C-alpha atoms as a PDB file:
ATOM      1  CA  UNK A   1      -0.680  34.078 -31.807  1.00  0.00           C
ATOM      2  CA  UNK A   2      -2.047  32.540 -28.618  1.00  0.00           C
ATOM      3  CA  UNK A   3      -1.904  35.862 -26.761  1.00  0.00           C
ATOM      4  CA  UNK A   4      -3.881  37.519 -29.576  1.00  0.00           C
ATOM      5  CA  UNK A   5      -6.547  34.820 -29.419  1.00  0.00           C
ATOM      6  CA  UNK A   6      -6.868  35.158 -25.647  1.00  0.00           C
ATOM      7  CA  UNK A   7      -7.266  38.947 -25.928  1.00  0.00           C
ATOM      8  CA  UNK A   8      -9.790  38.530 -28.744  1.00  0.00           C
ATOM      9  CA  UNK A   9     -11.822  36.041 -26.700  1.00  0.00           C
ATOM     10  CA  UNK A  10     -11.756  38.385 -23.700  1.00  0.00           C
ATOM     11  CA  UNK A  11     -13.017  41.265 -25.805  1.00  0.00           C
ATOM     12  CA  UNK A  12     -15.873  39.114 -27.047  1.00  0.00           C
ATOM     13  CA  UNK A  13     -16.850  38.296 -23.492  1.00  0.00           C
ATOM     14  CA  UNK A  14     -16.838  41.974 -22.567  1.00  0.00           C
ATOM     15  CA  UNK A  15     -18.768  43.095 -25.627  1.00  0.00           C
ATOM     16  CA  UNK A  16     -21.484  40.437 -25.632  1.00  0.00           C
ATOM     17  CA  UNK A  17     -24.060  41.151 -22.883  1.00  0.00           C
ATOM     18  CA  UNK A  18     -24.624  38.239 -20.528  1.00  0.00           C
ATOM     19  CA  UNK A  19     -22.051  36.040 -22.253  1.00  0.00           C
ATOM     20  CA  UNK A  20     -20.562  34.888 -18.958  1.00  0.00           C
ATOM     21  CA  UNK A  21     -23.827  34.239 -17.161  1.00  0.00           C
ATOM     22  CA  UNK A  22     -24.880  30.679 -16.400  1.00  0.00           C
ATOM     23  CA  UNK A  23     -27.813  30.897 -18.845  1.00  0.00           C
ATOM     24  CA  UNK A  24     -25.435  31.407 -21.775  1.00  0.00           C
ATOM     25  CA  UNK A  25     -22.501  29.344 -20.563  1.00  0.00           C
ATOM     26  CA  UNK A  26     -20.835  26.988 -22.999  1.00  0.00           C
ATOM     27  CA  UNK A  27     -19.165  23.687 -22.130  1.00  0.00           C
ATOM     28  CA  UNK A  28     -16.532  21.864 -24.148  1.00  0.00           C
ATOM     29  CA  UNK A  29     -16.333  18.109 -23.638  1.00  0.00           C
ATOM     30  CA  UNK A  30     -12.944  16.639 -24.565  1.00  0.00           C
ATOM     31  CA  UNK A  31     -12.805  12.839 -24.710  1.00  0.00           C
ATOM     32  CA  UNK A  32      -9.390  11.161 -24.902  1.00  0.00           C
ATOM     33  CA  UNK A  33     -10.941   8.391 -26.994  1.00  0.00           C
ATOM     34  CA  UNK A  34     -14.707   8.033 -27.365  1.00  0.00           C
ATOM     35  CA  UNK A  35     -14.311   4.454 -28.637  1.00  0.00           C
ATOM     36  CA  UNK A  36     -13.283   3.350 -25.126  1.00  0.00           C
ATOM     37  CA  UNK A  37     -16.424   2.006 -23.453  1.00  0.00           C
ATOM     38  CA  UNK A  38     -15.890   3.553 -20.018  1.00  0.00           C
ATOM     39  CA  UNK A  39     -15.125   6.949 -21.580  1.00  0.00           C
ATOM     40  CA  UNK A  40     -18.190   6.725 -23.811  1.00  0.00           C
ATOM     41  CA  UNK A  41     -20.402   5.826 -20.845  1.00  0.00           C
ATOM     42  CA  UNK A  42     -19.211   8.830 -18.828  1.00  0.00           C
ATOM     43  CA  UNK A  43     -19.716  11.119 -21.832  1.00  0.00           C
ATOM     44  CA  UNK A  44     -23.246   9.878 -22.533  1.00  0.00           C
ATOM     45  CA  UNK A  45     -24.369  10.354 -18.923  1.00  0.00           C
ATOM     46  CA  UNK A  46     -22.728  13.759 -18.679  1.00  0.00           C
ATOM     47  CA  UNK A  47     -24.519  14.983 -21.794  1.00  0.00           C
ATOM     48  CA  UNK A  48     -27.870  13.560 -20.711  1.00  0.00           C
ATOM     49  CA  UNK A  49     -27.586  15.292 -17.329  1.00  0.00           C
ATOM     50  CA  UNK A  50     -26.130  18.677 -18.233  1.00  0.00           C
ATOM     51  CA  UNK A  51     -28.324  21.683 -19.015  1.00  0.00           C
ATOM     52  CA  UNK A  52     -25.896  23.770 -21.083  1.00  0.00           C
ATOM     53  CA  UNK A  53     -24.743  23.759 -24.730  1.00  0.00           C
ATOM     54  CA  UNK A  54     -21.891  21.283 -25.229  1.00  0.00           C
ATOM     55  CA  UNK A  55     -19.218  21.087 -27.920  1.00  0.00           C
ATOM     56  CA  UNK A  56     -17.722  17.579 -28.269  1.00  0.00           C
ATOM     57  CA  UNK A  57     -14.101  16.890 -29.165  1.00  0.00           C
ATOM     58  CA  UNK A  58     -12.860  13.316 -29.626  1.00  0.00           C
ATOM     59  CA  UNK A  59      -9.059  13.169 -29.511  1.00  0.00           C
ATOM     60  CA  UNK A  60      -9.178   9.506 -30.457  1.00  0.00           C
ATOM     61  CA  UNK A  61     -10.757   9.977 -33.875  1.00  0.00           C
ATOM     62  CA  UNK A  62      -7.521  11.081 -35.583  1.00  0.00           C
ATOM     63  CA  UNK A  63      -3.935  12.171 -35.003  1.00  0.00           C
ATOM     64  CA  UNK A  64      -4.349  15.710 -33.724  1.00  0.00           C
ATOM     65  CA  UNK A  65      -1.535  18.225 -34.055  1.00  0.00           C
ATOM     66  CA  UNK A  66      -0.984  20.502 -31.064  1.00  0.00           C
ATOM     67  CA  UNK A  67      -1.703  23.563 -33.182  1.00  0.00           C
ATOM     68  CA  UNK A  68      -5.039  22.089 -34.291  1.00  0.00           C
ATOM     69  CA  UNK A  69      -6.055  21.477 -30.686  1.00  0.00           C
ATOM     70  CA  UNK A  70      -4.971  24.963 -29.627  1.00  0.00           C
ATOM     71  CA  UNK A  71      -6.853  26.600 -32.503  1.00  0.00           C
ATOM     72  CA  UNK A  72     -10.008  24.618 -31.763  1.00  0.00           C
ATOM     73  CA  UNK A  73      -9.980  25.384 -28.046  1.00  0.00           C
ATOM     74  CA  UNK A  74      -9.447  29.100 -28.571  1.00  0.00           C
ATOM     75  CA  UNK A  75     -11.995  29.319 -31.375  1.00  0.00           C
ATOM     76  CA  UNK A  76     -14.594  27.773 -29.089  1.00  0.00           C
ATOM     77  CA  UNK A  77     -13.217  29.321 -25.861  1.00  0.00           C
ATOM     78  CA  UNK A  78     -15.735  27.621 -23.545  1.00  0.00           C
ATOM     79  CA  UNK A  79     -16.661  28.728 -20.037  1.00  0.00           C
ATOM     80  CA  UNK A  80     -15.913  25.249 -18.665  1.00  0.00           C
ATOM     81  CA  UNK A  81     -14.154  22.150 -19.966  1.00  0.00           C
ATOM     82  CA  UNK A  82     -15.027  18.558 -19.069  1.00  0.00           C
ATOM     83  CA  UNK A  83     -12.100  16.212 -19.739  1.00  0.00           C
ATOM     84  CA  UNK A  84     -12.443  12.438 -19.920  1.00  0.00           C
ATOM     85  CA  UNK A  85      -9.081  10.693 -19.589  1.00  0.00           C
ATOM     86  CA  UNK A  86      -5.499  11.900 -19.186  1.00  0.00           C
ATOM     87  CA  UNK A  87      -4.931  12.944 -22.801  1.00  0.00           C
ATOM     88  CA  UNK A  88      -7.974  15.227 -22.725  1.00  0.00           C
ATOM     89  CA  UNK A  89      -6.928  16.769 -19.432  1.00  0.00           C
ATOM     90  CA  UNK A  90      -3.381  17.435 -20.675  1.00  0.00           C
ATOM     91  CA  UNK A  91      -4.757  19.371 -23.663  1.00  0.00           C
ATOM     92  CA  UNK A  92      -7.155  21.457 -21.582  1.00  0.00           C
ATOM     93  CA  UNK A  93      -4.600  22.192 -18.880  1.00  0.00           C
ATOM     94  CA  UNK A  94      -2.057  23.264 -21.481  1.00  0.00           C
ATOM     95  CA  UNK A  95      -4.246  25.663 -23.435  1.00  0.00           C
ATOM     96  CA  UNK A  96      -7.171  26.586 -21.169  1.00  0.00           C
ATOM     97  CA  UNK A  97      -5.812  26.492 -17.625  1.00  0.00           C
ATOM     98  CA  UNK A  98      -7.444  29.871 -16.932  1.00  0.00           C
ATOM     99  CA  UNK A  99     -10.834  28.154 -17.300  1.00  0.00           C
ATOM    100  CA  UNK A 100     -12.699  25.823 -14.950  1.00  0.00           C
ATOM    101  CA  UNK A 101     -11.660  22.266 -15.796  1.00  0.00           C
ATOM    102  CA  UNK A 102     -13.643  19.248 -14.600  1.00  0.00           C
ATOM    103  CA  UNK A 103     -12.036  15.839 -15.137  1.00  0.00           C
ATOM    104  CA  UNK A 104     -12.871  12.163 -14.737  1.00  0.00           C
ATOM    105  CA  UNK A 105     -11.558   8.714 -15.720  1.00  0.00           C
ATOM    106  CA  UNK A 106      -7.923   9.512 -14.867  1.00  0.00           C
ATOM    107  CA  UNK A 107      -5.716   7.027 -13.032  1.00  0.00           C
ATOM    108  CA  UNK A 108      -4.291   8.632  -9.894  1.00  0.00           C
ATOM    109  CA  UNK A 109      -5.208  12.235 -10.682  1.00  0.00           C
ATOM    110  CA  UNK A 110      -2.887  13.484  -7.920  1.00  0.00           C
ATOM    111  CA  UNK A 111       0.125  13.057 -10.195  1.00  0.00           C
ATOM    112  CA  UNK A 112      -1.244  15.680 -12.611  1.00  0.00           C
ATOM    113  CA  UNK A 113      -0.640  19.439 -12.564  1.00  0.00           C
ATOM    114  CA  UNK A 114      -3.710  21.203 -11.172  1.00  0.00           C
ATOM    115  CA  UNK A 115      -4.842  24.776 -10.551  1.00  0.00           C
ATOM    116  CA  UNK A 116      -7.335  26.406  -8.219  1.00  0.00           C
ATOM    117  CA  UNK A 117      -9.926  25.909 -10.960  1.00  0.00           C
ATOM    118  CA  UNK A 118      -9.379  22.157 -11.337  1.00  0.00           C
ATOM    119  CA  UNK A 119     -12.236  19.921 -10.176  1.00  0.00           C
ATOM    120  CA  UNK A 120     -13.252  16.370 -10.868  1.00  0.00           C
ATOM    121  CA  UNK A 121     -14.163  12.819  -9.952  1.00  0.00           C
ATOM    122  CA  UNK A 122     -11.446  10.383  -8.925  1.00  0.00           C
ATOM    123  CA  UNK A 123     -11.167   7.141 -10.875  1.00  0.00           C
ATOM    124  CA  UNK A 124     -10.349   5.205  -7.715  1.00  0.00           C
ATOM    125  CA  UNK A 125     -12.575   4.273  -4.830  1.00  0.00           C
ATOM    126  CA  UNK A 126     -11.275   5.199  -1.362  1.00  0.00           C
ATOM    127  CA  UNK A 127      -8.579   2.576  -0.594  1.00  0.00           C
ATOM    128  CA  UNK A 128      -9.718   2.299   3.008  1.00  0.00           C
ATOM    129  CA  UNK A 129     -13.204   1.347   1.785  1.00  0.00           C
ATOM    130  CA  UNK A 130     -11.831  -1.445  -0.393  1.00  0.00           C
ATOM    131  CA  UNK A 131      -9.485  -2.744   2.313  1.00  0.00           C
ATOM    132  CA  UNK A 132     -12.345  -2.770   4.784  1.00  0.00           C
ATOM    133  CA  UNK A 133     -14.419  -4.702   2.245  1.00  0.00           C
ATOM    134  CA  UNK A 134     -11.627  -7.246   1.757  1.00  0.00           C
ATOM    135  CA  UNK A 135     -11.430  -7.777   5.519  1.00  0.00           C
ATOM    136  CA  UNK A 136     -15.205  -8.092   5.764  1.00  0.00           C
ATOM    137  CA  UNK A 137     -15.446 -10.556   2.888  1.00  0.00           C
ATOM    138  CA  UNK A 138     -12.323 -12.583   3.720  1.00  0.00           C
ATOM    139  CA  UNK A 139     -11.404 -12.390   7.432  1.00  0.00           C
ATOM    140  CA  UNK A 140      -8.287 -14.539   6.955  1.00  0.00           C
ATOM    141  CA  UNK A 141      -6.675 -12.266   4.377  1.00  0.00           C
ATOM    142  CA  UNK A 142      -4.091 -10.116   6.175  1.00  0.00           C
ATOM    143  CA  UNK A 143      -1.245  -9.742   3.647  1.00  0.00           C
ATOM    144  CA  UNK A 144      -2.240  -8.211   0.299  1.00  0.00           C
ATOM    145  CA  UNK A 145       0.256  -7.782  -2.522  1.00  0.00           C
ATOM    146  CA  UNK A 146       0.095  -4.855  -4.943  1.00  0.00           C
ATOM    147  CA  UNK A 147       2.016  -4.551  -8.230  1.00  0.00           C
ATOM    148  CA  UNK A 148       2.438  -0.921  -9.236  1.00  0.00           C
ATOM    149  CA  UNK A 149       4.556   1.659 -11.021  1.00  0.00           C
ATOM    150  CA  UNK A 150       6.007   4.453  -8.895  1.00  0.00           C
ATOM    151  CA  UNK A 151       5.130   7.059 -11.515  1.00  0.00           C
ATOM    152  CA  UNK A 152       1.402   6.352 -11.548  1.00  0.00           C
ATOM    153  CA  UNK A 153       0.588   4.831  -8.181  1.00  0.00           C
ATOM    154  CA  UNK A 154       3.494   5.299  -5.772  1.00  0.00           C
ATOM    155  CA  UNK A 155       1.632   7.880  -3.721  1.00  0.00           C
ATOM    156  CA  UNK A 156      -1.577   5.836  -3.766  1.00  0.00           C
ATOM    157  CA  UNK A 157       0.175   2.671  -2.527  1.00  0.00           C
ATOM    158  CA  UNK A 158       1.818   4.576   0.329  1.00  0.00           C
ATOM    159  CA  UNK A 159      -1.566   5.951   1.363  1.00  0.00           C
ATOM    160  CA  UNK A 160      -3.241   2.543   1.081  1.00  0.00           C
ATOM    161  CA  UNK A 161      -0.448   0.932   3.111  1.00  0.00           C
ATOM    162  CA  UNK A 162      -0.866   3.378   5.975  1.00  0.00           C
ATOM    163  CA  UNK A 163      -4.642   2.918   6.031  1.00  0.00           C
ATOM    164  CA  UNK A 164      -4.358  -0.877   5.805  1.00  0.00           C
ATOM    165  CA  UNK A 165      -2.025  -0.959   8.796  1.00  0.00           C
ATOM    166  CA  UNK A 166      -4.684   0.701  10.930  1.00  0.00           C
ATOM    167  CA  UNK A 167      -7.040  -2.159  10.034  1.00  0.00           C
ATOM    168  CA  UNK A 168      -4.568  -4.934  10.772  1.00  0.00           C
ATOM    169  CA  UNK A 169      -3.724  -5.540   7.109  1.00  0.00           C
ATOM    170  CA  UNK A 170      -0.279  -5.421   5.513  1.00  0.00           C
ATOM    171  CA  UNK A 171       0.167  -4.112   1.968  1.00  0.00           C
ATOM    172  CA  UNK A 172       3.113  -5.783   0.257  1.00  0.00           C
ATOM    173  CA  UNK A 173       4.046  -3.319  -2.472  1.00  0.00           C
ATOM    174  CA  UNK A 174       6.015  -4.487  -5.514  1.00  0.00           C
ATOM    175  CA  UNK A 175       7.178  -1.548  -7.629  1.00  0.00           C
ATOM    176  CA  UNK A 176       8.081  -2.209 -11.276  1.00  0.00           C
ATOM    177  CA  UNK A 177       9.324   0.126 -13.986  1.00  0.00           C
ATOM    178  CA  UNK A 178       7.913  -1.734 -16.977  1.00  0.00           C
ATOM    179  CA  UNK A 179       5.297  -4.361 -17.697  1.00  0.00           C
ATOM    180  CA  UNK A 180       7.834  -7.101 -18.434  1.00  0.00           C
ATOM    181  CA  UNK A 181       9.054  -7.005 -14.821  1.00  0.00           C
ATOM    182  CA  UNK A 182       5.624  -7.676 -13.327  1.00  0.00           C
ATOM    183  CA  UNK A 183       5.625 -11.482 -13.526  1.00  0.00           C
ATOM    184  CA  UNK A 184       9.075 -11.924 -11.946  1.00  0.00           C
ATOM    185  CA  UNK A 185       8.157  -9.419  -9.204  1.00  0.00           C
ATOM    186  CA  UNK A 186       4.984 -11.392  -8.482  1.00  0.00           C
ATOM    187  CA  UNK A 187       6.812 -14.733  -8.349  1.00  0.00           C
ATOM    188  CA  UNK A 188       9.250 -13.305  -5.818  1.00  0.00           C
ATOM    189  CA  UNK A 189       6.566 -11.938  -3.489  1.00  0.00           C
ATOM    190  CA  UNK A 190       3.702 -14.389  -4.044  1.00  0.00           C
ATOM    191  CA  UNK A 191       4.641 -16.763  -1.190  1.00  0.00           C
ATOM    192  CA  UNK A 192       4.324 -13.853   1.277  1.00  0.00           C
ATOM    193  CA  UNK A 193       0.870 -12.809   0.045  1.00  0.00           C
ATOM    194  CA  UNK A 194      -2.585 -13.985   1.031  1.00  0.00           C
ATOM    195  CA  UNK A 195      -4.010 -12.286  -2.084  1.00  0.00           C
ATOM    196  CA  UNK A 196      -3.007 -10.055  -4.997  1.00  0.00           C
ATOM    197  CA  UNK A 197      -4.737  -6.680  -5.377  1.00  0.00           C
ATOM    198  CA  UNK A 198      -4.531  -5.904  -9.086  1.00  0.00           C
ATOM    199  CA  UNK A 199      -5.028  -2.132  -9.261  1.00  0.00           C
ATOM    200  CA  UNK A 200      -5.512   0.126 -12.265  1.00  0.00           C
ATOM    201  CA  UNK A 201      -1.942   0.879 -13.330  1.00  0.00           C
ATOM    202  CA  UNK A 202      -1.119   1.530 -17.013  1.00  0.00           C
ATOM    203  CA  UNK A 203       2.355   0.008 -16.691  1.00  0.00           C
ATOM    204  CA  UNK A 204       1.132  -3.263 -15.179  1.00  0.00           C
ATOM    205  CA  UNK A 205      -1.953  -3.728 -17.363  1.00  0.00           C
ATOM    206  CA  UNK A 206      -0.481  -2.548 -20.691  1.00  0.00           C
ATOM    207  CA  UNK A 207       0.321  -6.064 -21.924  1.00  0.00           C
ATOM    208  CA  UNK A 208      -2.465  -8.673 -22.149  1.00  0.00           C
ATOM    209  CA  UNK A 209       0.041 -11.554 -22.114  1.00  0.00           C
ATOM    210  CA  UNK A 210       1.519 -10.258 -18.861  1.00  0.00           C
ATOM    211  CA  UNK A 211      -1.958 -10.020 -17.324  1.00  0.00           C
ATOM    212  CA  UNK A 212      -2.704 -13.637 -18.266  1.00  0.00           C
ATOM    213  CA  UNK A 213       0.613 -14.737 -16.735  1.00  0.00           C
ATOM    214  CA  UNK A 214      -0.176 -12.891 -13.504  1.00  0.00           C
ATOM    215  CA  UNK A 215      -3.506 -14.685 -13.194  1.00  0.00           C
ATOM    216  CA  UNK A 216      -1.843 -18.016 -14.071  1.00  0.00           C
ATOM    217  CA  UNK A 217       0.777 -17.596 -11.340  1.00  0.00           C
ATOM    218  CA  UNK A 218      -1.855 -16.684  -8.745  1.00  0.00           C
ATOM    219  CA  UNK A 219      -4.033 -19.607  -9.791  1.00  0.00           C
ATOM    220  CA  UNK A 220      -1.116 -22.047  -9.506  1.00  0.00           C
ATOM    221  CA  UNK A 221      -0.381 -20.734  -6.019  1.00  0.00           C
ATOM    222  CA  UNK A 222      -4.088 -20.691  -5.094  1.00  0.00           C
ATOM    223  CA  UNK A 223      -3.857 -17.011  -4.243  1.00  0.00           C
ATOM    224  CA  UNK A 224      -7.028 -15.001  -4.957  1.00  0.00           C
ATOM    225  CA  UNK A 225      -6.920 -11.884  -7.125  1.00  0.00           C
ATOM    226  CA  UNK A 226      -8.884  -8.796  -6.097  1.00  0.00           C
ATOM    227  CA  UNK A 227      -9.396  -6.370  -8.946  1.00  0.00           C
ATOM    228  CA  UNK A 228     -11.333  -3.432 -10.385  1.00  0.00           C
ATOM    229  CA  UNK A 229     -12.666  -4.503 -13.799  1.00  0.00           C
ATOM    230  CA  UNK A 230     -15.539  -6.857 -14.659  1.00  0.00           C
ATOM    231  CA  UNK A 231     -13.613  -8.364 -17.580  1.00  0.00           C
ATOM    232  CA  UNK A 232     -11.120  -9.866 -15.122  1.00  0.00           C
ATOM    233  CA  UNK A 233     -13.807 -12.228 -13.863  1.00  0.00           C
ATOM    234  CA  UNK A 234     -13.164 -14.336 -16.971  1.00  0.00           C
ATOM    235  CA  UNK A 235      -9.488 -14.511 -16.031  1.00  0.00           C
ATOM    236  CA  UNK A 236     -10.395 -15.871 -12.592  1.00  0.00           C
ATOM    237  CA  UNK A 237     -10.451 -12.827 -10.293  1.00  0.00           C
ATOM    238  CA  UNK A 238     -12.058 -13.814  -6.984  1.00  0.00           C
ATOM    239  CA  UNK A 239     -13.392 -10.354  -6.132  1.00  0.00           C
ATOM    240  CA  UNK A 240     -14.000  -7.311  -8.307  1.00  0.00           C
ATOM    241  CA  UNK A 241     -14.885  -3.885  -6.973  1.00  0.00           C
ATOM    242  CA  UNK A 242     -15.459  -1.532  -9.892  1.00  0.00           C
ATOM    243  CA  UNK A 243     -16.537   2.075 -10.208  1.00  0.00           C
ATOM    244  CA  UNK A 244     -19.749   2.863 -12.067  1.00  0.00           C
ATOM    245  CA  UNK A 245     -18.735   4.967 -15.074  1.00  0.00           C
ATOM    246  CA  UNK A 246     -22.258   6.208 -15.736  1.00  0.00           C
ATOM    247  CA  UNK A 247     -22.435   7.553 -12.188  1.00  0.00           C
ATOM    248  CA  UNK A 248     -19.069   9.250 -12.679  1.00  0.00           C
ATOM    249  CA  UNK A 249     -20.470  11.068 -15.724  1.00  0.00           C
ATOM    250  CA  UNK A 250     -23.459  12.276 -13.717  1.00  0.00           C
ATOM    251  CA  UNK A 251     -21.209  13.384 -10.857  1.00  0.00           C
ATOM    252  CA  UNK A 252     -19.056  15.385 -13.261  1.00  0.00           C
ATOM    253  CA  UNK A 253     -22.193  16.997 -14.710  1.00  0.00           C
ATOM    254  CA  UNK A 254     -23.364  18.007 -11.238  1.00  0.00           C
ATOM    255  CA  UNK A 255     -19.970  19.586 -10.496  1.00  0.00           C
ATOM    256  CA  UNK A 256     -20.051  21.474 -13.815  1.00  0.00           C
ATOM    257  CA  UNK A 257     -23.566  22.802 -13.209  1.00  0.00           C
ATOM    258  CA  UNK A 258     -22.678  23.890  -9.676  1.00  0.00           C
ATOM    259  CA  UNK A 259     -19.619  25.769 -10.950  1.00  0.00           C
ATOM    260  CA  UNK A 260     -21.533  27.548 -13.705  1.00  0.00           C
ATOM    261  CA  UNK A 261     -24.376  28.485 -11.387  1.00  0.00           C
ATOM    262  CA  UNK A 262     -21.965  29.969  -8.853  1.00  0.00           C
ATOM    263  CA  UNK A 263     -22.416  27.317  -6.157  1.00  0.00           C
ATOM    264  CA  UNK A 264     -19.596  26.966  -3.642  1.00  0.00           C
ATOM    265  CA  UNK A 265     -17.667  23.729  -4.205  1.00  0.00           C
ATOM    266  CA  UNK A 266     -16.451  22.299  -0.904  1.00  0.00           C
ATOM    267  CA  UNK A 267     -14.983  19.076  -2.289  1.00  0.00           C
ATOM    268  CA  UNK A 268     -13.063  19.797  -5.485  1.00  0.00           C
ATOM    269  CA  UNK A 269     -12.242  16.169  -6.260  1.00  0.00           C
ATOM    270  CA  UNK A 270     -14.888  13.618  -5.309  1.00  0.00           C
ATOM    271  CA  UNK A 271     -14.627   9.870  -4.932  1.00  0.00           C
ATOM    272  CA  UNK A 272     -16.920   7.864  -7.263  1.00  0.00           C
ATOM    273  CA  UNK A 273     -20.401   7.614  -5.785  1.00  0.00           C
ATOM    274  CA  UNK A 274     -21.289   4.267  -7.332  1.00  0.00           C
ATOM    275  CA  UNK A 275     -19.627   0.844  -7.317  1.00  0.00           C
ATOM    276  CA  UNK A 276     -20.312  -2.748  -8.287  1.00  0.00           C
ATOM    277  CA  UNK A 277     -19.133  -5.830  -6.377  1.00  0.00           C
ATOM    278  CA  UNK A 278     -18.647  -9.166  -8.125  1.00  0.00           C
ATOM    279  CA  UNK A 279     -17.559 -12.322  -6.287  1.00  0.00           C
ATOM    280  CA  UNK A 280     -16.348 -15.436  -8.074  1.00  0.00           C
ATOM    281  CA  UNK A 281     -17.535 -17.986  -5.531  1.00  0.00           C
ATOM    282  CA  UNK A 282     -16.175 -20.809  -7.696  1.00  0.00           C
ATOM    283  CA  UNK A 283     -12.619 -19.537  -7.264  1.00  0.00           C
ATOM    284  CA  UNK A 284     -13.101 -18.753  -3.588  1.00  0.00           C
ATOM    285  CA  UNK A 285     -14.175 -22.355  -2.902  1.00  0.00           C
ATOM    286  CA  UNK A 286     -11.520 -23.786  -5.212  1.00  0.00           C
ATOM    287  CA  UNK A 287      -8.803 -22.036  -3.194  1.00  0.00           C
ATOM    288  CA  UNK A 288     -10.356 -23.034   0.106  1.00  0.00           C
ATOM    289  CA  UNK A 289     -10.590 -19.368   1.052  1.00  0.00           C
ATOM    290  CA  UNK A 290     -12.508 -18.536   4.215  1.00  0.00           C
ATOM    291  CA  UNK A 291     -15.306 -16.080   3.444  1.00  0.00           C
ATOM    292  CA  UNK A 292     -18.041 -14.339   5.399  1.00  0.00           C
ATOM    293  CA  UNK A 293     -21.395 -15.752   4.275  1.00  0.00           C
ATOM    294  CA  UNK A 294     -23.188 -12.706   5.695  1.00  0.00           C
ATOM    295  CA  UNK A 295     -21.144 -10.533   3.322  1.00  0.00           C
ATOM    296  CA  UNK A 296     -22.742 -12.123   0.264  1.00  0.00           C
ATOM    297  CA  UNK A 297     -25.717  -9.808   0.724  1.00  0.00           C
ATOM    298  CA  UNK A 298     -23.395  -6.929  -0.282  1.00  0.00           C
ATOM    299  CA  UNK A 299     -22.468  -8.577  -3.597  1.00  0.00           C
ATOM    300  CA  UNK A 300     -24.125  -7.293  -6.784  1.00  0.00           C
ATOM    301  CA  UNK A 301     -23.184 -10.361  -8.840  1.00  0.00           C
ATOM    302  CA  UNK A 302     -22.236 -13.838  -7.646  1.00  0.00           C
ATOM    303  CA  UNK A 303     -20.441 -16.217 -10.005  1.00  0.00           C
ATOM    304  CA  UNK A 304     -21.038 -19.830  -9.005  1.00  0.00           C
END
């Protein structure tokens, strides 16, 4: 059935004059769940930037069967697919891997299967940039703990550890297999840390109660938490460095337009171009943490 659909789509492309030119190119946008704010923001900016017809698919609106997804993708048979989130990428890579696929909003994209036609925007900022920022903001912080799952972030933590070492910082990695292990792992390593770097890891952050416990333990030990999401400011994170999801959507749109117009892509997966820095000065002072006053000029939002 699938082979017939692929042949049929190919025949259509051959029979319709100019159907593969940039002027008539068609994009399919697959969103893992459009109700998620960061996904919705990326989608809105992508659509407002792009100059081609777009077909939206929201995988979060119902329980899709694999056959339904396959039928939809082959009926539309777009020239390029923009995937927001892991679920969307998995569907596109399974059924349309012969097409150009642009992705965003995926945690540690390097763990995913990719092809020569896979492009996108990383969900993580360069770790060396964040480590350098930590050193600049807090000169006394030299040992930074990281809770992570090997499946999602093992490679990332190894890379971050090597880069941190070059800057005189030690990454104390604590690997856990499930969310319930996170608190005990933190308690064991907390005395050796100057700060906890709470990264985007679906195993660690899957349970809200566990997250609250992690912040409680750090607060009791007067150890600052560095994180990636604005909402964690309410939990007491001392420093938050977050990606700008709207910018990610615009970056993805630029990549898509370059691909469809035949531009040569030198960097297939880009780091996010925009970021926001929030410092909770109340927590910093409460913990007696040494900070660089000159660095405050780099902060987008100061909580005091």
